[in-house]
Amino acid sequence: MKNEGFTLVELLAVIVILAIIALIAVPIILDIIGSTKKESDERSIELYAKAIENAIADYSLKNNGEIPKDIEDLEIEYEGNRVECSIRKIYENGTISLNKCKVNGHDVDYAYGIYTDNSGANIPDLLNNTLTPVIYNEDHWEVADITDEWYDYNKKEWANAVILKEDIKKESGDKVIIPDSNGGESDVLAMFVWIPRYSYTISSTAGSDKNNPGAIDIKFVDKNVNENGTASYTDEIDN
């Protein structure tokens, strides 16, 4: 009767194949686990932030629209992973921005909250980070932190953004973009200003008196709302 089994060479070949599969699969699995954990941590931070914003809204209702300056006295209802964050700012519309977060004691590189002003203008669209937000700081342009105040259409402070070369980092505060004294325009491929969608009404007397041309009533319009009875820019520049 002929004996059946693996030869030493065959066994070694199987071991080598399994080792190659492990070398390929293990990093992929670890990456998936890491990505899933990061997403879970971010969702925990978002739930925690929403709980704070709900508490702020409740406080505002009970205090004639007043927004609290801090959260120490708020009744925050939150269940989930232990989250600790630094509250960067409480905005006048009741939203917040957070950074320097920890979830269950470990650091999470995630900042919550995108700044919005109170003008009613649509939030600037950075086209999936194709555009880098910038702000003019005294005598130069630098990368803006979108969780902090970087525009205000009530004050006519427009939201500006640029397209940078691929090798220029986009992290907040990482790079001064266009210093007036040293040039730097070579880092910038294009610069844009955000024009929110708006509607306007012109009075029937506007333009009849050159010394008193009359005011044009302008209001910002939500991009998902179809306004009736007012003129507005065409779709090409409705944002």
C-alpha atoms as a PDB file:
ATOM      1  CA  MET A   1       0.000   0.000   0.000  1.00  0.00           C
ATOM      2  CA  LYS A   2       1.373   3.405  -1.012  1.00  0.00           C
ATOM      3  CA  ASN A   3       1.826   5.915   1.813  1.00  0.00           C
ATOM      4  CA  GLU A   4       0.077   9.297   1.255  1.00  0.00           C
ATOM      5  CA  GLY A   5       1.113  12.626   2.754  1.00  0.00           C
ATOM      6  CA  PHE A   6       3.003  15.868   2.236  1.00  0.00           C
ATOM      7  CA  THR A   7       6.632  15.952   1.395  1.00  0.00           C
ATOM      8  CA  LEU A   8       8.880  18.382   3.233  1.00  0.00           C
ATOM      9  CA  VAL A   9       9.082  20.561   0.136  1.00  0.00           C
ATOM     10  CA  GLU A  10       5.297  20.697  -0.179  1.00  0.00           C
ATOM     11  CA  LEU A  11       4.942  21.568   3.507  1.00  0.00           C
ATOM     12  CA  LEU A  12       7.473  24.373   3.199  1.00  0.00           C
ATOM     13  CA  ALA A  13       5.682  25.695   0.122  1.00  0.00           C
ATOM     14  CA  VAL A  14       2.374  25.814   2.055  1.00  0.00           C
ATOM     15  CA  ILE A  15       4.062  27.639   4.948  1.00  0.00           C
ATOM     16  CA  VAL A  16       5.564  30.197   2.576  1.00  0.00           C
ATOM     17  CA  ILE A  17       2.181  30.778   0.902  1.00  0.00           C
ATOM     18  CA  LEU A  18       0.477  31.235   4.278  1.00  0.00           C
ATOM     19  CA  ALA A  19       3.196  33.673   5.345  1.00  0.00           C
ATOM     20  CA  ILE A  20       2.694  35.739   2.168  1.00  0.00           C
ATOM     21  CA  ILE A  21      -1.079  35.789   2.717  1.00  0.00           C
ATOM     22  CA  ALA A  22      -0.516  36.911   6.322  1.00  0.00           C
ATOM     23  CA  LEU A  23       1.833  39.688   5.225  1.00  0.00           C
ATOM     24  CA  ILE A  24      -0.832  40.979   2.833  1.00  0.00           C
ATOM     25  CA  ALA A  25      -3.902  40.456   5.007  1.00  0.00           C
ATOM     26  CA  VAL A  26      -2.708  41.575   8.441  1.00  0.00           C
ATOM     27  CA  PRO A  27      -1.992  45.244   7.512  1.00  0.00           C
ATOM     28  CA  ILE A  28      -5.348  45.432   5.711  1.00  0.00           C
ATOM     29  CA  ILE A  29      -7.179  44.025   8.727  1.00  0.00           C
ATOM     30  CA  LEU A  30      -5.319  46.335  11.123  1.00  0.00           C
ATOM     31  CA  ASP A  31      -6.116  49.303   8.882  1.00  0.00           C
ATOM     32  CA  ILE A  32      -9.823  48.367   8.864  1.00  0.00           C
ATOM     33  CA  ILE A  33      -9.815  47.985  12.654  1.00  0.00           C
ATOM     34  CA  GLY A  34      -8.041  51.328  13.076  1.00  0.00           C
ATOM     35  CA  SER A  35     -10.392  53.078  10.649  1.00  0.00           C
ATOM     36  CA  THR A  36     -13.467  51.614  12.374  1.00  0.00           C
ATOM     37  CA  LYS A  37     -12.162  52.677  15.788  1.00  0.00           C
ATOM     38  CA  LYS A  38     -11.441  56.207  14.539  1.00  0.00           C
ATOM     39  CA  GLU A  39     -14.950  56.497  13.080  1.00  0.00           C
ATOM     40  CA  SER A  40     -16.419  55.214  16.345  1.00  0.00           C
ATOM     41  CA  ASP A  41     -14.417  57.776  18.336  1.00  0.00           C
ATOM     42  CA  GLU A  42     -15.540  60.576  16.020  1.00  0.00           C
ATOM     43  CA  ARG A  43     -19.189  59.544  16.353  1.00  0.00           C
ATOM     44  CA  SER A  44     -18.787  59.573  20.150  1.00  0.00           C
ATOM     45  CA  ILE A  45     -17.424  63.127  19.991  1.00  0.00           C
ATOM     46  CA  GLU A  46     -20.286  64.204  17.718  1.00  0.00           C
ATOM     47  CA  LEU A  47     -22.908  62.682  20.048  1.00  0.00           C
ATOM     48  CA  TYR A  48     -21.278  64.422  22.993  1.00  0.00           C
ATOM     49  CA  ALA A  49     -21.241  67.731  21.099  1.00  0.00           C
ATOM     50  CA  LYS A  50     -24.900  67.341  20.098  1.00  0.00           C
ATOM     51  CA  ALA A  51     -25.792  66.703  23.742  1.00  0.00           C
ATOM     52  CA  ILE A  52     -24.081  69.981  24.667  1.00  0.00           C
ATOM     53  CA  GLU A  53     -25.832  71.875  21.863  1.00  0.00           C
ATOM     54  CA  ASN A  54     -29.192  70.451  22.986  1.00  0.00           C
ATOM     55  CA  ALA A  55     -28.443  71.624  26.528  1.00  0.00           C
ATOM     56  CA  ILE A  56     -27.538  75.073  25.187  1.00  0.00           C
ATOM     57  CA  ALA A  57     -30.823  75.216  23.252  1.00  0.00           C
ATOM     58  CA  ASP A  58     -32.745  74.259  26.409  1.00  0.00           C
ATOM     59  CA  TYR A  59     -30.873  76.908  28.401  1.00  0.00           C
ATOM     60  CA  SER A  60     -31.641  79.506  25.723  1.00  0.00           C
ATOM     61  CA  LEU A  61     -35.367  78.710  25.806  1.00  0.00           C
ATOM     62  CA  LYS A  62     -35.431  79.158  29.565  1.00  0.00           C
ATOM     63  CA  ASN A  63     -33.408  82.400  29.505  1.00  0.00           C
ATOM     64  CA  ASN A  64     -35.052  84.533  26.793  1.00  0.00           C
ATOM     65  CA  GLY A  65     -32.691  83.483  24.029  1.00  0.00           C
ATOM     66  CA  GLU A  66     -29.501  84.044  26.018  1.00  0.00           C
ATOM     67  CA  ILE A  67     -26.551  81.830  25.068  1.00  0.00           C
ATOM     68  CA  PRO A  68     -24.404  80.584  27.989  1.00  0.00           C
ATOM     69  CA  LYS A  69     -20.769  81.667  28.068  1.00  0.00           C
ATOM     70  CA  ASP A  70     -19.644  78.235  29.307  1.00  0.00           C
ATOM     71  CA  ILE A  71     -21.206  74.824  29.919  1.00  0.00           C
ATOM     72  CA  GLU A  72     -20.483  74.381  33.604  1.00  0.00           C
ATOM     73  CA  ASP A  73     -24.092  75.014  34.648  1.00  0.00           C
ATOM     74  CA  LEU A  74     -25.765  73.083  31.813  1.00  0.00           C
ATOM     75  CA  GLU A  75     -27.646  69.827  32.304  1.00  0.00           C
ATOM     76  CA  ILE A  76     -26.039  67.658  29.632  1.00  0.00           C
ATOM     77  CA  GLU A  77     -27.735  64.333  28.918  1.00  0.00           C
ATOM     78  CA  TYR A  78     -25.197  62.047  27.309  1.00  0.00           C
ATOM     79  CA  GLU A  79     -24.690  58.288  27.396  1.00  0.00           C
ATOM     80  CA  GLY A  80     -21.799  56.556  25.684  1.00  0.00           C
ATOM     81  CA  ASN A  81     -18.018  56.467  25.702  1.00  0.00           C
ATOM     82  CA  ARG A  82     -16.247  58.824  28.068  1.00  0.00           C
ATOM     83  CA  VAL A  83     -15.471  61.973  26.081  1.00  0.00           C
ATOM     84  CA  GLU A  84     -13.333  64.915  27.176  1.00  0.00           C
ATOM     85  CA  CYS A  85     -12.862  67.916  24.872  1.00  0.00           C
ATOM     86  CA  SER A  86     -11.776  71.486  25.037  1.00  0.00           C
ATOM     87  CA  ILE A  87     -14.677  73.758  24.083  1.00  0.00           C
ATOM     88  CA  ARG A  88     -13.131  76.131  21.584  1.00  0.00           C
ATOM     89  CA  LYS A  89     -16.137  78.395  21.194  1.00  0.00           C
ATOM     90  CA  ILE A  90     -19.877  78.711  21.778  1.00  0.00           C
ATOM     91  CA  TYR A  91     -21.411  80.580  18.842  1.00  0.00           C
ATOM     92  CA  GLU A  92     -24.366  82.950  18.996  1.00  0.00           C
ATOM     93  CA  ASN A  93     -26.536  80.443  17.098  1.00  0.00           C
ATOM     94  CA  GLY A  94     -26.073  77.858  19.863  1.00  0.00           C
ATOM     95  CA  THR A  95     -23.584  75.608  18.079  1.00  0.00           C
ATOM     96  CA  ILE A  96     -20.116  74.838  19.399  1.00  0.00           C
ATOM     97  CA  SER A  97     -16.692  73.825  18.206  1.00  0.00           C
ATOM     98  CA  LEU A  98     -14.499  71.325  20.060  1.00  0.00           C
ATOM     99  CA  ASN A  99     -10.869  70.256  19.808  1.00  0.00           C
ATOM    100  CA  LYS A 100      -8.191  68.450  21.860  1.00  0.00           C
ATOM    101  CA  CYS A 101     -10.559  65.534  22.408  1.00  0.00           C
ATOM    102  CA  LYS A 102     -10.046  62.299  24.294  1.00  0.00           C
ATOM    103  CA  VAL A 103     -12.305  59.231  24.097  1.00  0.00           C
ATOM    104  CA  ASN A 104     -11.945  56.740  26.944  1.00  0.00           C
ATOM    105  CA  GLY A 105      -8.671  58.388  27.856  1.00  0.00           C
ATOM    106  CA  HIS A 106      -6.880  58.296  24.485  1.00  0.00           C
ATOM    107  CA  ASP A 107      -6.301  61.265  22.197  1.00  0.00           C
ATOM    108  CA  VAL A 108      -8.424  61.581  19.057  1.00  0.00           C
ATOM    109  CA  ASP A 109      -7.275  63.791  16.206  1.00  0.00           C
ATOM    110  CA  TYR A 110     -10.701  65.216  15.419  1.00  0.00           C
ATOM    111  CA  ALA A 111     -12.131  68.724  15.770  1.00  0.00           C
ATOM    112  CA  TYR A 112     -15.904  69.113  15.874  1.00  0.00           C
ATOM    113  CA  GLY A 113     -17.917  72.041  14.629  1.00  0.00           C
ATOM    114  CA  ILE A 114     -17.752  74.181  11.514  1.00  0.00           C
ATOM    115  CA  TYR A 115     -18.046  77.906  12.118  1.00  0.00           C
ATOM    116  CA  THR A 116     -21.121  79.660  10.751  1.00  0.00           C
ATOM    117  CA  ASP A 117     -21.907  83.355  11.085  1.00  0.00           C
ATOM    118  CA  ASN A 118     -25.374  84.725  11.818  1.00  0.00           C
ATOM    119  CA  SER A 119     -25.976  86.312   8.420  1.00  0.00           C
ATOM    120  CA  GLY A 120     -28.021  83.415   7.068  1.00  0.00           C
ATOM    121  CA  ALA A 121     -25.490  82.873   4.265  1.00  0.00           C
ATOM    122  CA  ASN A 122     -24.847  79.302   3.179  1.00  0.00           C
ATOM    123  CA  ILE A 123     -21.745  77.684   4.646  1.00  0.00           C
ATOM    124  CA  PRO A 124     -18.813  77.978   2.206  1.00  0.00           C
ATOM    125  CA  ASP A 125     -18.324  74.787   0.195  1.00  0.00           C
ATOM    126  CA  LEU A 126     -14.647  73.799   0.098  1.00  0.00           C
ATOM    127  CA  LEU A 127     -15.328  71.064  -2.480  1.00  0.00           C
ATOM    128  CA  ASN A 128     -14.123  68.116  -0.388  1.00  0.00           C
ATOM    129  CA  ASN A 129     -11.001  70.026   0.686  1.00  0.00           C
ATOM    130  CA  THR A 130     -10.011  70.877  -2.878  1.00  0.00           C
ATOM    131  CA  LEU A 131     -10.085  74.477  -1.667  1.00  0.00           C
ATOM    132  CA  THR A 132      -8.082  75.617   1.338  1.00  0.00           C
ATOM    133  CA  PRO A 133      -9.760  78.310   3.479  1.00  0.00           C
ATOM    134  CA  VAL A 134      -7.610  81.387   4.115  1.00  0.00           C
ATOM    135  CA  ILE A 135      -7.938  84.470   6.272  1.00  0.00           C
ATOM    136  CA  TYR A 136      -6.143  87.808   6.136  1.00  0.00           C
ATOM    137  CA  ASN A 137      -4.173  88.286   9.339  1.00  0.00           C
ATOM    138  CA  GLU A 138      -2.898  91.874   9.688  1.00  0.00           C
ATOM    139  CA  ASP A 139      -0.406  91.823   6.816  1.00  0.00           C
ATOM    140  CA  HIS A 140      -0.556  88.338   5.295  1.00  0.00           C
ATOM    141  CA  TRP A 141      -2.832  85.497   4.250  1.00  0.00           C
ATOM    142  CA  GLU A 142      -2.749  82.261   6.240  1.00  0.00           C
ATOM    143  CA  VAL A 143      -4.669  79.001   6.401  1.00  0.00           C
ATOM    144  CA  ALA A 144      -7.926  79.493   8.315  1.00  0.00           C
ATOM    145  CA  ASP A 145      -9.340  77.282  11.034  1.00  0.00           C
ATOM    146  CA  ILE A 146     -12.906  76.512   9.921  1.00  0.00           C
ATOM    147  CA  THR A 147     -13.936  75.705  13.497  1.00  0.00           C
ATOM    148  CA  ASP A 148     -13.197  79.316  14.444  1.00  0.00           C
ATOM    149  CA  GLU A 149     -14.414  82.649  13.068  1.00  0.00           C
ATOM    150  CA  TRP A 150     -12.869  83.098   9.612  1.00  0.00           C
ATOM    151  CA  TYR A 151     -15.600  85.139   7.875  1.00  0.00           C
ATOM    152  CA  ASP A 152     -18.646  87.237   8.769  1.00  0.00           C
ATOM    153  CA  TYR A 153     -21.000  88.409   6.044  1.00  0.00           C
ATOM    154  CA  ASN A 154     -22.765  90.748   8.460  1.00  0.00           C
ATOM    155  CA  LYS A 155     -19.462  92.639   8.710  1.00  0.00           C
ATOM    156  CA  LYS A 156     -18.677  92.243   4.988  1.00  0.00           C
ATOM    157  CA  GLU A 157     -15.766  89.953   5.856  1.00  0.00           C
ATOM    158  CA  TRP A 158     -15.868  87.479   2.980  1.00  0.00           C
ATOM    159  CA  ALA A 159     -14.921  83.810   3.037  1.00  0.00           C
ATOM    160  CA  ASN A 160     -11.819  83.331   0.890  1.00  0.00           C
ATOM    161  CA  ALA A 161     -10.195  80.112  -0.296  1.00  0.00           C
ATOM    162  CA  VAL A 162      -7.296  79.035  -2.485  1.00  0.00           C
ATOM    163  CA  ILE A 163      -6.067  76.063  -4.471  1.00  0.00           C
ATOM    164  CA  LEU A 164      -2.572  75.170  -3.333  1.00  0.00           C
ATOM    165  CA  LYS A 165       0.177  73.132  -4.877  1.00  0.00           C
ATOM    166  CA  GLU A 166      -0.020  69.456  -3.927  1.00  0.00           C
ATOM    167  CA  ASP A 167       3.094  69.628  -1.742  1.00  0.00           C
ATOM    168  CA  ILE A 168       1.760  72.463   0.437  1.00  0.00           C
ATOM    169  CA  LYS A 169       0.170  71.284   3.676  1.00  0.00           C
ATOM    170  CA  LYS A 170      -3.431  72.333   4.353  1.00  0.00           C
ATOM    171  CA  GLU A 171      -3.656  71.868   8.103  1.00  0.00           C
ATOM    172  CA  SER A 172      -4.978  74.803  10.094  1.00  0.00           C
ATOM    173  CA  GLY A 173      -2.284  77.338  10.865  1.00  0.00           C
ATOM    174  CA  ASP A 174       0.404  75.203   9.247  1.00  0.00           C
ATOM    175  CA  LYS A 175       1.400  77.527   6.427  1.00  0.00           C
ATOM    176  CA  VAL A 176       1.381  81.263   5.838  1.00  0.00           C
ATOM    177  CA  ILE A 177       0.037  81.480   2.318  1.00  0.00           C
ATOM    178  CA  ILE A 178       0.815  84.899   0.828  1.00  0.00           C
ATOM    179  CA  PRO A 179       2.988  87.117   3.045  1.00  0.00           C
ATOM    180  CA  ASP A 180       3.028  90.610   1.537  1.00  0.00           C
ATOM    181  CA  SER A 181       6.688  91.151   2.328  1.00  0.00           C
ATOM    182  CA  ASN A 182       8.115  87.945   0.848  1.00  0.00           C
ATOM    183  CA  GLY A 183       5.810  87.082  -2.025  1.00  0.00           C
ATOM    184  CA  GLY A 184       4.655  83.471  -1.901  1.00  0.00           C
ATOM    185  CA  GLU A 185       2.147  83.586  -4.725  1.00  0.00           C
ATOM    186  CA  SER A 186       3.902  80.611  -6.326  1.00  0.00           C
ATOM    187  CA  ASP A 187       2.306  78.373  -3.683  1.00  0.00           C
ATOM    188  CA  VAL A 188      -1.180  79.438  -4.788  1.00  0.00           C
ATOM    189  CA  LEU A 189      -2.653  78.201  -8.062  1.00  0.00           C
ATOM    190  CA  ALA A 190      -5.960  80.091  -7.770  1.00  0.00           C
ATOM    191  CA  MET A 191      -7.871  82.206  -5.248  1.00  0.00           C
ATOM    192  CA  PHE A 192     -11.648  82.427  -4.762  1.00  0.00           C
ATOM    193  CA  VAL A 193     -14.195  84.371  -2.738  1.00  0.00           C
ATOM    194  CA  TRP A 194     -17.424  82.710  -1.614  1.00  0.00           C
ATOM    195  CA  ILE A 195     -20.540  84.476  -2.922  1.00  0.00           C
ATOM    196  CA  PRO A 196     -23.547  83.054  -1.052  1.00  0.00           C
ATOM    197  CA  ARG A 197     -26.847  82.733  -2.853  1.00  0.00           C
ATOM    198  CA  TYR A 198     -29.020  85.743  -2.218  1.00  0.00           C
ATOM    199  CA  SER A 199     -32.164  87.475  -3.434  1.00  0.00           C
ATOM    200  CA  TYR A 200     -32.743  91.173  -3.786  1.00  0.00           C
ATOM    201  CA  THR A 201     -35.652  93.613  -4.146  1.00  0.00           C
ATOM    202  CA  ILE A 202     -35.313  96.984  -5.842  1.00  0.00           C
ATOM    203  CA  SER A 203     -37.821  99.670  -4.911  1.00  0.00           C
ATOM    204  CA  SER A 204     -39.872 101.263  -7.665  1.00  0.00           C
ATOM    205  CA  THR A 205     -38.206 104.629  -6.998  1.00  0.00           C
ATOM    206  CA  ALA A 206     -34.649 103.323  -7.091  1.00  0.00           C
ATOM    207  CA  GLY A 207     -32.543 105.255  -9.588  1.00  0.00           C
ATOM    208  CA  SER A 208     -35.067 108.062 -10.087  1.00  0.00           C
ATOM    209  CA  ASP A 209     -33.010 110.484  -8.032  1.00  0.00           C
ATOM    210  CA  LYS A 210     -29.259 110.376  -8.628  1.00  0.00           C
ATOM    211  CA  ASN A 211     -28.642 112.049  -5.272  1.00  0.00           C
ATOM    212  CA  ASN A 212     -30.730 109.425  -3.507  1.00  0.00           C
ATOM    213  CA  PRO A 213     -30.573 106.220  -5.543  1.00  0.00           C
ATOM    214  CA  GLY A 214     -32.499 104.188  -2.992  1.00  0.00           C
ATOM    215  CA  ALA A 215     -31.554 101.053  -1.123  1.00  0.00           C
ATOM    216  CA  ILE A 216     -31.511  97.563  -2.564  1.00  0.00           C
ATOM    217  CA  ASP A 217     -32.957  95.079  -0.105  1.00  0.00           C
ATOM    218  CA  ILE A 218     -30.711  92.013  -0.030  1.00  0.00           C
ATOM    219  CA  LYS A 219     -31.186  88.837   1.950  1.00  0.00           C
ATOM    220  CA  PHE A 220     -29.326  85.555   1.889  1.00  0.00           C
ATOM    221  CA  VAL A 221     -31.255  82.536   0.626  1.00  0.00           C
ATOM    222  CA  ASP A 222     -30.875  78.899   1.569  1.00  0.00           C
ATOM    223  CA  LYS A 223     -29.550  76.943  -1.375  1.00  0.00           C
ATOM    224  CA  ASN A 224     -32.432  74.447  -1.098  1.00  0.00           C
ATOM    225  CA  VAL A 225     -35.205  77.059  -1.095  1.00  0.00           C
ATOM    226  CA  ASN A 226     -36.910  78.349  -4.232  1.00  0.00           C
ATOM    227  CA  GLU A 227     -37.743  81.998  -3.564  1.00  0.00           C
ATOM    228  CA  ASN A 228     -40.827  83.545  -5.176  1.00  0.00           C
ATOM    229  CA  GLY A 229     -41.460  87.212  -5.759  1.00  0.00           C
ATOM    230  CA  THR A 230     -37.830  88.318  -5.682  1.00  0.00           C
ATOM    231  CA  ALA A 231     -35.111  88.490  -8.257  1.00  0.00           C
ATOM    232  CA  SER A 232     -31.997  86.420  -7.753  1.00  0.00           C
ATOM    233  CA  TYR A 233     -28.783  85.529  -9.470  1.00  0.00           C
ATOM    234  CA  THR A 234     -28.841  82.752 -12.042  1.00  0.00           C
ATOM    235  CA  ASP A 235     -27.916  79.159 -11.234  1.00  0.00           C
ATOM    236  CA  GLU A 236     -24.370  79.703 -12.476  1.00  0.00           C
ATOM    237  CA  ILE A 237     -23.500  81.690  -9.380  1.00  0.00           C
ATOM    238  CA  ASP A 238     -26.126  80.493  -6.926  1.00  0.00           C
ATOM    239  CA  ASN A 239     -24.128  78.785  -4.166  1.00  0.00           C
END
